Amino acid sequence: MSYWMIEFVIVKNINSKSGFKSSYEFNNGYLLQCEKIDNYIEKEDKKLIIIGDCINFNDFSIEQIGINEILNSFKGNFYAFLSDGQNLFITSSAFGLLPIYYLNDFAVLSSSVKLIKNEVNGKMTENKKWLINQLLFNYQLGTDTIFQEIELFPTMSYLFISNNEINFNKYYRIRDEFLSQPISWKKALPDLSEKFIRLVAQYIPDKKAVISFTGGFDGRTLVSIATHFRKDFTSFSYGKITNDDVYIPKANAEDLGIPYFWLNLNEDYSKLEYFNSAFKFIQKTDGSNGFLYAHVEYLATKVKEKGNVLLSGICGSELFRAAHSSGAVTSKALIDLFRLDTFESYRDSVINLEVLRYLKNEDYNPSINEVLKEAWEFKLDLEKKLDKNKSLYVFVYEEIFRKFFGPWVKSQMNTVCVRTPYIDFSFFKEIIKTELSGAYSDFLTDNPIKRYKGQVFYAEVIRKTNKKLFWTKTGKGYSPAIVNKPILRPFLAIPFLSKRLNRRVIKTDFDNLGIITGIKQSIPFLFNISHLDIDSELLKDDLVNLHNTDRESYRDTILMSYSILMYYNYLNNE
């Protein structure tokens, strides 16, 4: 697969400069250009085009297909373009892991901001809010992009175009789906675990599947199901051998006789692969933190050597578990947004964050205030009818899924087919009605006895599909059986307390993915790029002095800042 395999441009009344091989004209004058399509069906004046991976496309005839069927019944990660007479519907699959951007007059739409910029004659206006959002939250709040003239599709929405109108229609509102009395997890677990087992069987192809196998529960649950159905698959993990996300699944695979390979992110990777992988990730995801997630791009190329489909456990933990701390997924600025009760206290907490140290231009102060006010108004709107935790989970499900994990899928889908069964839309719509959803947990609880509910689903699925794996210890320090059996659950506190004690005694090595070694190898290039509004000298000093045991948030801020600089450089110099 080439770099552009999942990309597209749609133009109207202009000559496209994309250079893509394939062109398809719709009845209303819009022209789709892409490298390839994956599914196509047409009858009379009705046409459906799919770019990406629609797992069950062949289960439907053209007469059955409308926008509701595409959104609610189609499975996989894909872009869909449905032309019905003079009407055109444009969407990506549920949750929008694959992004769609549009020029503010709708003359150009694309999977890429860069591709839209290439189509437009004239200078575009840099959006200060984009830079602030990237630094504070690690992704955008709302629909902003790096340019004021380009926006992202709203969450859970499709675009409808006819001769008389162009508008977005929201097809699912998570805030309206929560129940005041959800189905108890004990009642829901037997049926939903069976449904998930059958569902994952559909997601695993008959030949050459590759499944991410880590020390946690997400991947090993998928591995367990694959063994149950005797699928033709291999598993893998990545990192350094000292990482429990490597040595535990490696030992598990050997013990269980499961096919397995390990991607060693050692010094050779850091020297030879890291920088190029980081840059490709930044390019493909329109400015996401490639220097933190270079391995995401790299492992896709290695997975492709082993199989055609990557089965990923992403979004599983975020679906079930209670959010409890800040990090790359939920930054301090985001957690404080939902934790604090007044705008003044929130603004004070954010203004003092170290991530803003790199902003050199005081002209950003009004934009910082604007970003914070928009975020606060979003939170207040949610809390009109929802408690703190449900409000946070609206953001998790509607925004984090697509803006944090979406770039992983988008980057990898240009190389290998990526399937994400935990956010199958039909399955999600059942989970959200039950206590299994993390939305029904206590707000930001750190209590392991309360948090076990986020793992009972995995444990039950593994119990039903692989008894040996059920009793095998995970990277959490306990087996799924400990979670599954009420009499054993009090023992969950032991590994929890042990890990907390170890963190105080032994400093965590934050170079377990070759990140710090890799970015330091990249210094000769990075020190030659800059932006007027970023304090490059301060950033250089921080990078030079970065150590493996420095705080994770400090490391990630440096990496994000250089990813932003790389993205500016990419947009302005090609």
Protein backbone atom coordinates (compact mmCIF):
# COMPACT_ATOMS: atom_id res chain seq x y z
CA MET A 1 0.00 0.00 0.00
CA SER A 2 1.11 3.52 -0.71
CA TYR A 3 1.11 6.54 1.54
CA TRP A 4 -2.18 7.77 0.01
CA MET A 5 -4.16 4.53 0.16
CA ILE A 6 -6.96 5.83 2.41
CA GLU A 7 -6.90 9.47 1.25
CA PHE A 8 -9.38 11.36 -0.94
CA VAL A 9 -10.34 14.81 -2.21
CA ILE A 10 -13.79 16.01 -3.31
CA VAL A 11 -13.97 19.21 -5.35
CA LYS A 12 -16.65 21.26 -7.08
CA ASN A 13 -16.13 23.76 -9.86
CA ILE A 14 -12.33 23.64 -9.65
CA ASN A 15 -9.67 21.55 -11.34
CA SER A 16 -8.19 19.21 -8.75
CA LYS A 17 -4.44 19.13 -8.26
CA SER A 18 -4.41 15.91 -6.25
CA GLY A 19 -2.99 13.64 -8.95
CA PHE A 20 -4.95 10.63 -7.68
CA LYS A 21 -5.49 7.76 -10.10
CA SER A 22 -9.27 7.39 -9.78
CA SER A 23 -12.08 9.91 -10.35
CA TYR A 24 -15.83 9.53 -9.77
CA GLU A 25 -18.37 12.25 -10.61
CA PHE A 26 -21.60 12.54 -8.66
CA ASN A 27 -24.85 13.87 -10.12
CA ASN A 28 -24.65 17.24 -8.36
CA GLY A 29 -21.29 18.17 -9.87
CA TYR A 30 -18.99 17.08 -7.04
CA LEU A 31 -15.94 15.09 -8.16
CA LEU A 32 -14.31 12.47 -5.93
CA GLN A 33 -10.62 11.74 -6.49
CA CYS A 34 -8.73 8.99 -4.67
CA GLU A 35 -5.97 6.47 -5.13
CA LYS A 36 -8.33 3.50 -5.01
CA ILE A 37 -11.78 2.47 -3.89
CA ASP A 38 -12.45 -0.67 -1.91
CA ASN A 39 -16.16 -1.21 -2.59
CA TYR A 40 -18.43 0.10 -5.31
CA ILE A 41 -22.07 -0.57 -6.10
CA GLU A 42 -24.38 1.25 -8.52
CA LYS A 43 -27.89 0.90 -9.84
CA GLU A 44 -29.68 3.48 -11.96
CA ASP A 45 -29.05 6.87 -10.28
CA LYS A 46 -27.91 5.41 -6.92
CA LYS A 47 -24.22 4.93 -6.26
CA LEU A 48 -22.23 3.93 -3.16
CA ILE A 49 -18.45 4.21 -2.90
CA ILE A 50 -16.44 2.92 0.06
CA ILE A 51 -12.80 3.78 0.75
CA GLY A 52 -11.36 1.67 3.55
CA ASP A 53 -12.52 -1.51 5.22
CA CYS A 54 -16.24 -2.28 5.33
CA ILE A 55 -16.32 -5.80 6.78
CA ASN A 56 -19.91 -6.71 5.91
CA PHE A 57 -20.43 -4.73 2.69
CA ASN A 58 -21.52 -7.81 0.75
CA ASP A 59 -24.39 -8.45 3.16
CA PHE A 60 -26.36 -5.58 1.60
CA SER A 61 -27.89 -4.88 -1.80
CA ILE A 62 -28.04 -1.38 -3.25
CA GLU A 63 -31.81 -1.32 -2.70
CA GLN A 64 -31.28 -1.82 1.06
CA ILE A 65 -28.63 0.84 1.49
CA GLY A 66 -29.36 4.32 2.78
CA ILE A 67 -27.39 6.62 5.05
CA ASN A 68 -28.96 5.02 8.15
CA GLU A 69 -27.83 1.55 7.09
CA ILE A 70 -24.30 2.81 6.42
CA LEU A 71 -24.05 4.42 9.85
CA ASN A 72 -25.83 1.82 11.94
CA SER A 73 -25.22 -1.52 10.22
CA PHE A 74 -21.94 -1.31 8.30
CA LYS A 75 -18.90 -2.53 10.28
CA GLY A 76 -15.29 -1.41 9.99
CA ASN A 77 -13.31 1.80 9.49
CA PHE A 78 -14.11 3.48 6.19
CA TYR A 79 -15.26 6.54 4.26
CA ALA A 80 -18.66 6.33 2.55
CA PHE A 81 -20.07 8.40 -0.32
CA LEU A 82 -23.71 7.73 -1.20
CA SER A 83 -25.19 9.44 -4.23
CA ASP A 84 -28.96 9.12 -4.64
CA GLY A 85 -30.28 11.22 -7.47
CA GLN A 86 -29.25 14.80 -6.79
CA ASN A 87 -28.53 14.06 -3.12
CA LEU A 88 -25.04 13.28 -1.84
CA PHE A 89 -24.25 11.91 1.63
CA ILE A 90 -20.65 11.99 2.91
CA THR A 91 -19.53 10.34 6.13
CA SER A 92 -16.92 8.22 7.81
CA SER A 93 -17.80 5.15 9.83
CA ALA A 94 -19.29 5.47 13.31
CA PHE A 95 -17.28 7.57 15.80
CA GLY A 96 -15.37 9.18 12.92
CA LEU A 97 -11.97 7.61 13.59
CA LEU A 98 -11.18 8.51 9.99
CA PRO A 99 -11.49 12.32 9.79
CA ILE A 100 -13.13 14.43 7.09
CA TYR A 101 -12.21 18.11 6.67
CA TYR A 102 -13.90 20.77 4.56
CA LEU A 103 -13.18 24.22 3.20
CA ASN A 104 -15.60 26.67 4.78
CA ASP A 105 -17.48 27.20 1.48
CA PHE A 106 -17.67 23.40 0.90
CA ALA A 107 -15.85 23.73 -2.43
CA VAL A 108 -13.27 21.17 -1.25
CA LEU A 109 -13.56 18.24 1.19
CA SER A 110 -10.84 15.78 2.05
CA SER A 111 -9.36 13.25 4.45
CA SER A 112 -6.43 15.65 4.86
CA VAL A 113 -5.96 19.33 5.69
CA LYS A 114 -2.83 19.32 3.56
CA LEU A 115 -4.73 18.06 0.52
CA ILE A 116 -7.30 20.84 0.89
CA LYS A 117 -4.53 23.43 1.18
CA ASN A 118 -3.00 22.08 -2.03
CA GLU A 119 -6.29 22.64 -3.88
CA VAL A 120 -6.71 26.26 -2.82
CA ASN A 121 -5.08 29.23 -4.49
CA GLY A 122 -4.11 31.90 -2.02
CA LYS A 123 -2.72 32.15 1.49
CA MET A 124 -4.51 30.59 4.43
CA THR A 125 -4.76 32.01 7.94
CA GLU A 126 -3.07 30.17 10.77
CA ASN A 127 -5.42 29.38 13.64
CA LYS A 128 -3.92 30.28 17.03
CA LYS A 129 -6.55 28.18 18.81
CA TRP A 130 -5.23 25.05 17.08
CA LEU A 131 -1.77 25.48 18.60
CA ILE A 132 -3.21 26.14 22.08
CA ASN A 133 -5.48 23.10 21.92
CA GLN A 134 -2.63 20.85 20.82
CA LEU A 135 -0.50 21.98 23.75
CA LEU A 136 -3.23 21.87 26.39
CA PHE A 137 -5.24 18.81 25.40
CA ASN A 138 -3.01 16.89 22.92
CA TYR A 139 -5.76 17.26 20.29
CA GLN A 140 -8.44 19.75 19.26
CA LEU A 141 -11.58 20.62 21.19
CA GLY A 142 -14.31 21.26 18.65
CA THR A 143 -13.79 21.37 14.88
CA ASP A 144 -10.78 23.69 14.56
CA THR A 145 -7.79 22.88 12.36
CA ILE A 146 -4.49 24.65 11.85
CA PHE A 147 -6.17 26.97 9.31
CA GLN A 148 -9.19 29.18 10.00
CA GLU A 149 -10.61 28.38 6.56
CA ILE A 150 -10.72 24.60 7.15
CA GLU A 151 -12.81 22.69 9.67
CA LEU A 152 -13.31 19.10 10.82
CA PHE A 153 -16.71 17.42 10.49
CA PRO A 154 -18.70 17.69 13.75
CA THR A 155 -18.78 14.58 15.91
CA MET A 156 -21.26 11.82 15.07
CA SER A 157 -22.46 13.71 11.97
CA TYR A 158 -22.76 13.19 8.23
CA LEU A 159 -22.88 15.84 5.50
CA PHE A 160 -25.95 16.11 3.28
CA ILE A 161 -25.64 17.96 -0.05
CA SER A 162 -28.47 18.63 -2.48
CA ASN A 163 -29.19 21.24 -5.11
CA ASN A 164 -30.84 23.44 -2.48
CA GLU A 165 -28.97 22.85 0.76
CA ILE A 166 -25.77 21.76 2.45
CA ASN A 167 -25.98 20.79 6.11
CA PHE A 168 -24.66 18.48 8.80
CA ASN A 169 -27.00 15.99 10.43
CA LYS A 170 -26.14 14.46 13.79
CA TYR A 171 -26.96 10.77 13.77
CA TYR A 172 -26.25 9.93 17.43
CA ARG A 173 -26.15 12.01 20.62
CA ILE A 174 -24.30 10.21 23.39
CA ARG A 175 -25.57 12.61 26.05
CA ASP A 176 -29.12 11.46 25.33
CA GLU A 177 -28.35 7.74 25.59
CA PHE A 178 -27.39 7.42 29.26
CA LEU A 179 -29.98 5.86 31.56
CA SER A 180 -30.82 6.99 35.09
CA GLN A 181 -31.19 3.29 35.93
CA PRO A 182 -28.77 1.37 33.68
CA ILE A 183 -28.93 -2.40 33.39
CA SER A 184 -26.76 -3.89 36.14
CA TRP A 185 -23.44 -5.24 34.95
CA LYS A 186 -24.18 -8.63 36.53
CA LYS A 187 -27.38 -8.93 34.52
CA ALA A 188 -25.85 -7.64 31.28
CA LEU A 189 -22.56 -9.58 31.43
CA PRO A 190 -23.64 -13.10 30.32
CA ASP A 191 -25.47 -11.95 27.19
CA LEU A 192 -23.08 -9.14 26.13
CA SER A 193 -19.98 -11.30 26.60
CA GLU A 194 -21.51 -13.93 24.29
CA LYS A 195 -22.44 -11.28 21.73
CA PHE A 196 -18.94 -9.83 21.81
CA ILE A 197 -17.36 -13.23 21.26
CA ARG A 198 -19.50 -13.77 18.16
CA LEU A 199 -18.88 -10.18 17.03
CA VAL A 200 -15.08 -10.45 17.20
CA ALA A 201 -15.27 -13.66 15.19
CA GLN A 202 -16.69 -11.51 12.35
CA TYR A 203 -13.83 -9.02 12.69
CA ILE A 204 -11.09 -11.66 12.46
CA PRO A 205 -10.48 -12.72 8.84
CA ASP A 206 -10.09 -16.37 7.96
CA LYS A 207 -6.42 -15.98 7.09
CA LYS A 208 -3.43 -13.92 8.23
CA ALA A 209 -4.86 -11.85 11.06
CA VAL A 210 -2.42 -10.02 13.33
CA ILE A 211 -3.50 -9.17 16.90
CA SER A 212 -1.83 -6.77 19.31
CA PHE A 213 -1.03 -8.71 22.51
CA THR A 214 -0.03 -6.53 25.47
CA GLY A 215 0.27 -6.95 29.21
CA GLY A 216 -3.25 -5.60 29.79
CA PHE A 217 -6.70 -6.92 29.00
CA ASP A 218 -7.72 -5.35 25.65
CA GLY A 219 -5.46 -7.31 23.32
CA ARG A 220 -5.38 -10.57 25.26
CA THR A 221 -9.19 -10.72 25.15
CA LEU A 222 -9.04 -10.58 21.34
CA VAL A 223 -6.27 -13.20 21.34
CA SER A 224 -8.39 -15.42 23.57
CA ILE A 225 -11.34 -15.23 21.16
CA ALA A 226 -9.07 -15.97 18.19
CA THR A 227 -7.81 -19.15 19.89
CA HIS A 228 -11.38 -20.17 20.70
CA PHE A 229 -12.37 -20.09 17.03
CA ARG A 230 -9.01 -21.58 15.92
CA LYS A 231 -8.37 -18.61 13.66
CA ASP A 232 -5.26 -18.31 11.51
CA PHE A 233 -3.49 -15.47 13.32
CA THR A 234 -0.27 -14.28 14.87
CA SER A 235 0.09 -12.00 17.88
CA PHE A 236 2.71 -9.38 18.64
CA SER A 237 3.87 -6.79 21.14
CA TYR A 238 6.36 -3.94 20.94
CA GLY A 239 8.83 -2.12 23.14
CA LYS A 240 11.88 -3.12 25.12
CA ILE A 241 12.10 -6.56 26.69
CA THR A 242 12.10 -5.01 30.18
CA ASN A 243 8.61 -3.59 29.54
CA ASP A 244 5.80 -5.69 31.03
CA ASP A 245 3.83 -5.07 27.82
CA VAL A 246 6.50 -7.21 26.14
CA TYR A 247 7.89 -9.83 28.48
CA ILE A 248 4.50 -10.85 29.91
CA PRO A 249 2.67 -11.47 26.59
CA LYS A 250 5.85 -12.99 25.17
CA ALA A 251 5.94 -15.52 28.03
CA ASN A 252 2.16 -16.03 27.77
CA ALA A 253 2.38 -16.77 24.04
CA GLU A 254 5.21 -19.26 24.50
CA ASP A 255 3.34 -20.99 27.33
CA LEU A 256 0.09 -21.21 25.36
CA GLY A 257 1.67 -22.07 22.00
CA ILE A 258 0.26 -18.92 20.38
CA PRO A 259 2.09 -17.58 17.28
CA TYR A 260 3.91 -14.41 18.33
CA PHE A 261 6.52 -11.90 17.26
CA TRP A 262 8.13 -9.01 19.09
CA LEU A 263 9.05 -5.61 17.69
CA ASN A 264 12.16 -4.56 19.56
CA LEU A 265 12.21 -0.76 19.84
CA ASN A 266 15.90 -0.69 20.68
CA GLU A 267 18.71 1.69 19.73
CA ASP A 268 18.71 0.48 16.12
CA TYR A 269 15.04 1.45 15.84
CA SER A 270 15.72 4.81 17.48
CA LYS A 271 18.59 5.55 15.08
CA LEU A 272 17.18 4.14 11.84
CA GLU A 273 13.38 4.22 12.01
CA TYR A 274 12.16 6.60 14.68
CA PHE A 275 12.45 9.98 12.93
CA ASN A 276 10.97 8.87 9.59
CA SER A 277 8.12 7.06 11.36
CA ALA A 278 7.39 10.13 13.50
CA PHE A 279 7.35 12.42 10.47
CA LYS A 280 5.03 10.11 8.50
CA PHE A 281 2.66 9.97 11.47
CA ILE A 282 2.59 13.77 11.66
CA GLN A 283 1.93 14.03 7.92
CA LYS A 284 -0.85 11.44 7.83
CA THR A 285 -2.65 12.76 10.93
CA ASP A 286 -2.43 16.50 10.31
CA GLY A 287 -0.19 17.38 13.20
CA SER A 288 -0.74 14.76 15.89
CA ASN A 289 2.11 13.93 18.25
CA GLY A 290 4.29 11.84 15.95
CA PHE A 291 7.34 12.06 18.19
CA LEU A 292 5.34 10.33 20.92
CA TYR A 293 3.66 7.81 18.60
CA ALA A 294 6.32 7.05 16.01
CA HIS A 295 5.98 3.38 16.95
CA VAL A 296 2.33 3.40 15.79
CA GLU A 297 3.42 4.17 12.24
CA TYR A 298 6.42 1.82 12.42
CA LEU A 299 4.55 -1.22 13.67
CA ALA A 300 2.02 -0.94 10.81
CA THR A 301 4.80 -1.59 8.30
CA LYS A 302 5.98 -4.61 10.29
CA VAL A 303 2.47 -5.98 10.78
CA LYS A 304 1.92 -5.76 7.02
CA GLU A 305 4.79 -8.21 6.56
CA LYS A 306 2.88 -10.77 8.65
CA GLY A 307 -0.73 -10.30 7.58
CA ASN A 308 -3.36 -8.17 5.91
CA VAL A 309 -5.51 -7.22 8.90
CA LEU A 310 -4.46 -5.71 12.23
CA LEU A 311 -6.97 -6.39 15.00
CA SER A 312 -6.51 -3.61 17.55
CA GLY A 313 -7.72 -3.35 21.14
CA ILE A 314 -7.82 0.45 21.12
CA CYS A 315 -10.73 2.16 22.90
CA GLY A 316 -11.48 -0.94 24.99
CA SER A 317 -10.14 0.45 28.25
CA GLU A 318 -11.75 3.83 27.62
CA LEU A 319 -15.09 2.12 26.93
CA PHE A 320 -15.23 0.17 30.20
CA ARG A 321 -12.96 1.55 32.87
CA ALA A 322 -13.37 4.59 35.11
CA ALA A 323 -11.15 7.50 34.09
CA HIS A 324 -8.87 8.24 37.02
CA SER A 325 -5.77 10.24 36.12
CA SER A 326 -4.29 12.65 33.62
CA GLY A 327 -1.93 11.55 30.87
CA ALA A 328 -1.63 11.57 27.10
CA VAL A 329 -5.28 10.53 26.62
CA THR A 330 -6.77 12.81 29.26
CA SER A 331 -4.47 15.75 29.91
CA LYS A 332 -4.46 17.75 33.15
CA ALA A 333 -6.22 20.59 31.35
CA LEU A 334 -9.00 18.20 30.37
CA ILE A 335 -9.33 16.51 33.77
CA ASP A 336 -9.40 19.90 35.51
CA LEU A 337 -12.11 21.04 33.11
CA PHE A 338 -14.49 18.44 34.53
CA ARG A 339 -13.03 18.38 38.07
CA LEU A 340 -13.18 22.06 38.98
CA ASP A 341 -16.38 23.94 39.76
CA THR A 342 -15.66 27.54 38.75
CA PHE A 343 -14.24 29.04 35.58
CA GLU A 344 -11.84 31.19 37.60
CA SER A 345 -10.27 28.17 39.31
CA TYR A 346 -10.07 26.37 35.97
CA ARG A 347 -8.42 29.30 34.22
CA ASP A 348 -5.93 29.66 37.05
CA SER A 349 -5.01 25.96 36.88
CA VAL A 350 -4.43 26.10 33.12
CA ILE A 351 -2.58 29.43 32.91
CA ASN A 352 0.10 28.01 35.20
CA LEU A 353 0.65 24.80 33.22
CA GLU A 354 4.17 24.31 31.92
CA VAL A 355 2.88 23.46 28.43
CA LEU A 356 2.26 27.17 27.81
CA ARG A 357 5.88 28.13 28.57
CA TYR A 358 6.80 27.58 24.93
CA LEU A 359 4.37 30.20 23.62
CA LYS A 360 6.55 33.23 22.96
CA ASN A 361 3.99 35.65 21.62
CA GLU A 362 1.76 37.47 24.14
CA ASP A 363 -0.79 37.89 21.34
CA TYR A 364 -1.87 34.35 22.21
CA ASN A 365 -3.42 35.42 25.53
CA PRO A 366 -6.83 36.36 24.04
CA SER A 367 -6.88 33.06 22.13
CA ILE A 368 -6.03 31.11 25.30
CA ASN A 369 -8.98 32.76 27.05
CA GLU A 370 -11.22 31.99 24.07
CA VAL A 371 -10.21 28.29 24.11
CA LEU A 372 -10.82 28.03 27.85
CA LYS A 373 -14.21 29.76 27.64
CA GLU A 374 -15.34 27.48 24.80
CA ALA A 375 -14.24 24.41 26.77
CA TRP A 376 -16.02 25.65 29.90
CA GLU A 377 -19.25 26.39 28.01
CA PHE A 378 -19.12 22.90 26.51
CA LYS A 379 -18.78 21.42 30.02
CA LEU A 380 -21.59 23.57 31.46
CA ASP A 381 -23.91 22.54 28.64
CA LEU A 382 -23.29 18.87 29.43
CA GLU A 383 -23.78 19.35 33.16
CA LYS A 384 -27.27 20.80 32.65
CA LYS A 385 -28.52 17.21 32.63
CA LEU A 386 -25.51 15.00 33.42
CA ASP A 387 -23.24 14.45 36.43
CA LYS A 388 -19.48 15.06 36.24
CA ASN A 389 -18.55 11.53 35.22
CA LYS A 390 -21.16 11.18 32.48
CA SER A 391 -20.18 14.62 31.18
CA LEU A 392 -16.57 13.49 30.99
CA TYR A 393 -17.60 10.32 29.18
CA VAL A 394 -19.54 12.22 26.54
CA PHE A 395 -16.19 13.80 25.74
CA VAL A 396 -14.38 10.44 25.90
CA TYR A 397 -16.79 8.71 23.54
CA GLU A 398 -17.45 11.58 21.13
CA GLU A 399 -14.05 13.26 21.02
CA ILE A 400 -11.23 11.16 22.51
CA PHE A 401 -12.14 8.11 20.46
CA ARG A 402 -11.80 10.03 17.20
CA LYS A 403 -9.15 12.61 18.09
CA PHE A 404 -6.73 10.55 20.16
CA PHE A 405 -7.18 7.05 18.72
CA GLY A 406 -8.39 8.18 15.31
CA PRO A 407 -4.90 9.34 14.26
CA TRP A 408 -3.54 5.88 15.13
CA VAL A 409 -6.08 4.25 12.84
CA LYS A 410 -5.70 6.88 10.10
CA SER A 411 -1.92 6.52 10.08
CA GLN A 412 -1.98 2.73 10.01
CA MET A 413 -4.82 2.40 7.48
CA ASN A 414 -2.54 3.82 4.80
CA THR A 415 -0.45 0.67 5.28
CA VAL A 416 -2.60 -2.13 6.68
CA CYS A 417 -6.30 -2.73 7.32
CA VAL A 418 -7.10 -1.86 10.98
CA ARG A 419 -10.15 -3.29 12.73
CA THR A 420 -11.40 -1.98 16.09
CA PRO A 421 -14.11 -4.31 17.47
CA TYR A 422 -14.47 -2.61 20.86
CA ILE A 423 -16.22 0.32 19.21
CA ASP A 424 -18.45 -1.66 16.89
CA PHE A 425 -21.42 0.71 16.84
CA SER A 426 -24.12 -1.91 17.47
CA PHE A 427 -22.14 -3.29 20.41
CA PHE A 428 -21.50 0.20 21.80
CA LYS A 429 -25.21 1.07 21.73
CA GLU A 430 -25.86 -1.91 24.00
CA ILE A 431 -22.93 -1.27 26.37
CA ILE A 432 -23.93 2.34 27.00
CA LYS A 433 -27.22 1.16 28.49
CA THR A 434 -25.44 -0.95 31.11
CA GLU A 435 -23.22 -0.43 34.14
CA LEU A 436 -20.37 -1.94 32.13
CA SER A 437 -19.85 1.49 30.57
CA GLY A 438 -17.24 3.58 32.38
CA ALA A 439 -19.76 6.42 32.37
CA TYR A 440 -21.58 4.83 35.32
CA SER A 441 -18.48 4.65 37.53
CA ASP A 442 -17.52 7.04 40.32
CA PHE A 443 -15.88 10.23 39.07
CA LEU A 444 -12.07 9.90 38.88
CA THR A 445 -11.99 7.03 41.37
CA ASP A 446 -8.61 5.47 42.11
CA ASN A 447 -9.97 2.70 44.33
CA PRO A 448 -9.04 -0.69 42.78
CA ILE A 449 -11.98 -2.41 44.46
CA LYS A 450 -14.35 0.04 42.76
CA ARG A 451 -12.45 0.05 39.47
CA TYR A 452 -12.53 -3.73 38.94
CA LYS A 453 -15.89 -3.34 37.15
CA GLY A 454 -13.94 -2.00 34.18
CA GLN A 455 -12.28 -5.41 33.78
CA VAL A 456 -15.07 -7.89 34.52
CA PHE A 457 -16.16 -7.90 30.89
CA TYR A 458 -12.70 -8.93 29.67
CA ALA A 459 -12.42 -11.55 32.38
CA GLU A 460 -15.76 -13.13 31.49
CA VAL A 461 -14.93 -13.25 27.76
CA ILE A 462 -11.55 -14.85 28.48
CA ARG A 463 -13.16 -17.35 30.89
CA LYS A 464 -15.49 -18.47 28.11
CA THR A 465 -12.84 -18.69 25.40
CA ASN A 466 -9.49 -19.79 26.88
CA LYS A 467 -9.33 -21.32 30.37
CA LYS A 468 -5.53 -21.30 30.50
CA LEU A 469 -5.31 -17.62 29.61
CA PHE A 470 -8.02 -17.01 32.21
CA TRP A 471 -5.64 -18.08 34.99
CA THR A 472 -2.51 -16.47 33.48
CA LYS A 473 -1.13 -13.34 35.16
CA THR A 474 -1.37 -10.07 33.23
CA GLY A 475 0.75 -6.94 33.40
CA LYS A 476 -1.65 -5.69 36.06
CA GLY A 477 -0.10 -8.20 38.46
CA TYR A 478 -3.12 -10.52 38.59
CA SER A 479 -5.02 -12.93 36.33
CA PRO A 480 -8.49 -12.39 34.84
CA ALA A 481 -9.71 -15.02 37.31
CA ILE A 482 -9.03 -12.66 40.22
CA VAL A 483 -11.38 -10.13 38.63
CA ASN A 484 -14.00 -12.69 37.68
CA LYS A 485 -14.39 -14.49 41.02
CA PRO A 486 -15.93 -12.41 43.85
CA ILE A 487 -14.13 -14.37 46.55
CA LEU A 488 -10.75 -13.39 45.04
CA ARG A 489 -11.43 -9.70 44.28
CA PRO A 490 -10.07 -8.35 47.58
CA PHE A 491 -6.64 -9.52 46.36
CA LEU A 492 -6.79 -6.80 43.69
CA ALA A 493 -5.53 -4.37 46.30
CA ILE A 494 -2.20 -6.21 46.66
CA PRO A 495 -0.72 -5.55 43.18
CA PHE A 496 -2.24 -2.05 43.24
CA LEU A 497 -0.41 -1.16 46.46
CA SER A 498 2.73 -2.97 45.30
CA LYS A 499 2.89 -0.93 42.09
CA ARG A 500 2.41 2.31 44.00
CA LEU A 501 5.23 1.41 46.36
CA ASN A 502 7.51 0.44 43.47
CA ARG A 503 6.93 3.81 41.80
CA ARG A 504 8.21 5.53 44.91
CA VAL A 505 11.31 3.35 45.10
CA ILE A 506 12.08 2.77 41.41
CA LYS A 507 11.77 5.58 38.89
CA THR A 508 9.84 4.67 35.74
CA ASP A 509 11.87 4.48 32.54
CA PHE A 510 9.89 6.58 30.05
CA ASP A 511 12.13 5.48 27.19
CA ASN A 512 10.57 2.02 26.99
CA LEU A 513 9.38 2.73 23.43
CA GLY A 514 12.67 4.27 22.30
CA ILE A 515 11.09 7.70 22.35
CA ILE A 516 13.68 9.73 24.24
CA THR A 517 16.61 8.02 22.52
CA GLY A 518 14.89 8.58 19.18
CA ILE A 519 14.17 12.26 19.56
CA LYS A 520 17.68 12.94 20.82
CA GLN A 521 18.98 11.22 17.69
CA SER A 522 16.81 13.70 15.76
CA ILE A 523 18.35 16.84 17.31
CA PRO A 524 20.48 17.80 14.26
CA PHE A 525 17.29 18.25 12.21
CA LEU A 526 14.98 19.55 14.93
CA PHE A 527 17.30 22.38 15.93
CA ASN A 528 16.93 23.81 12.41
CA ILE A 529 13.15 24.24 12.44
CA SER A 530 11.28 27.03 14.19
CA HIS A 531 8.09 29.07 14.36
CA LEU A 532 7.71 32.72 15.26
CA ASP A 533 5.34 32.00 18.16
CA ILE A 534 7.29 29.15 19.79
CA ASP A 535 10.30 29.72 22.02
CA SER A 536 12.72 27.44 20.19
CA GLU A 537 15.67 28.20 22.47
CA LEU A 538 13.76 27.17 25.59
CA LEU A 539 12.51 24.08 23.78
CA LYS A 540 16.06 23.17 22.71
CA ASP A 541 17.36 23.46 26.27
CA ASP A 542 14.56 21.25 27.59
CA LEU A 543 15.19 18.61 24.93
CA VAL A 544 18.94 18.52 25.59
CA ASN A 545 18.30 18.06 29.31
CA LEU A 546 15.51 15.50 28.94
CA HIS A 547 16.17 12.25 30.85
CA ASN A 548 14.53 8.84 30.82
CA THR A 549 13.09 9.30 34.29
CA ASP A 550 11.73 12.83 33.90
CA ARG A 551 7.99 13.28 34.38
CA GLU A 552 5.91 11.77 31.61
CA SER A 553 3.91 14.97 31.09
CA TYR A 554 7.14 16.99 30.74
CA ARG A 555 8.45 14.56 28.12
CA ASP A 556 5.17 14.54 26.20
CA THR A 557 4.98 18.34 26.08
CA ILE A 558 8.44 18.53 24.50
CA LEU A 559 7.47 15.85 21.98
CA MET A 560 4.20 17.59 21.12
CA SER A 561 5.94 20.92 20.67
CA TYR A 562 8.38 19.45 18.17
CA SER A 563 5.54 17.63 16.39
CA ILE A 564 3.81 20.99 16.00
CA LEU A 565 7.01 22.54 14.60
CA MET A 566 7.38 19.64 12.17
CA TYR A 567 3.79 20.07 11.00
CA TYR A 568 4.24 23.81 10.40
CA ASN A 569 7.44 23.03 8.51
CA TYR A 570 5.71 20.36 6.41
CA LEU A 571 2.80 22.62 5.45
CA ASN A 572 4.94 25.61 4.56
CA ASN A 573 7.83 23.95 2.72
CA GLU A 574 6.25 21.45 0.36
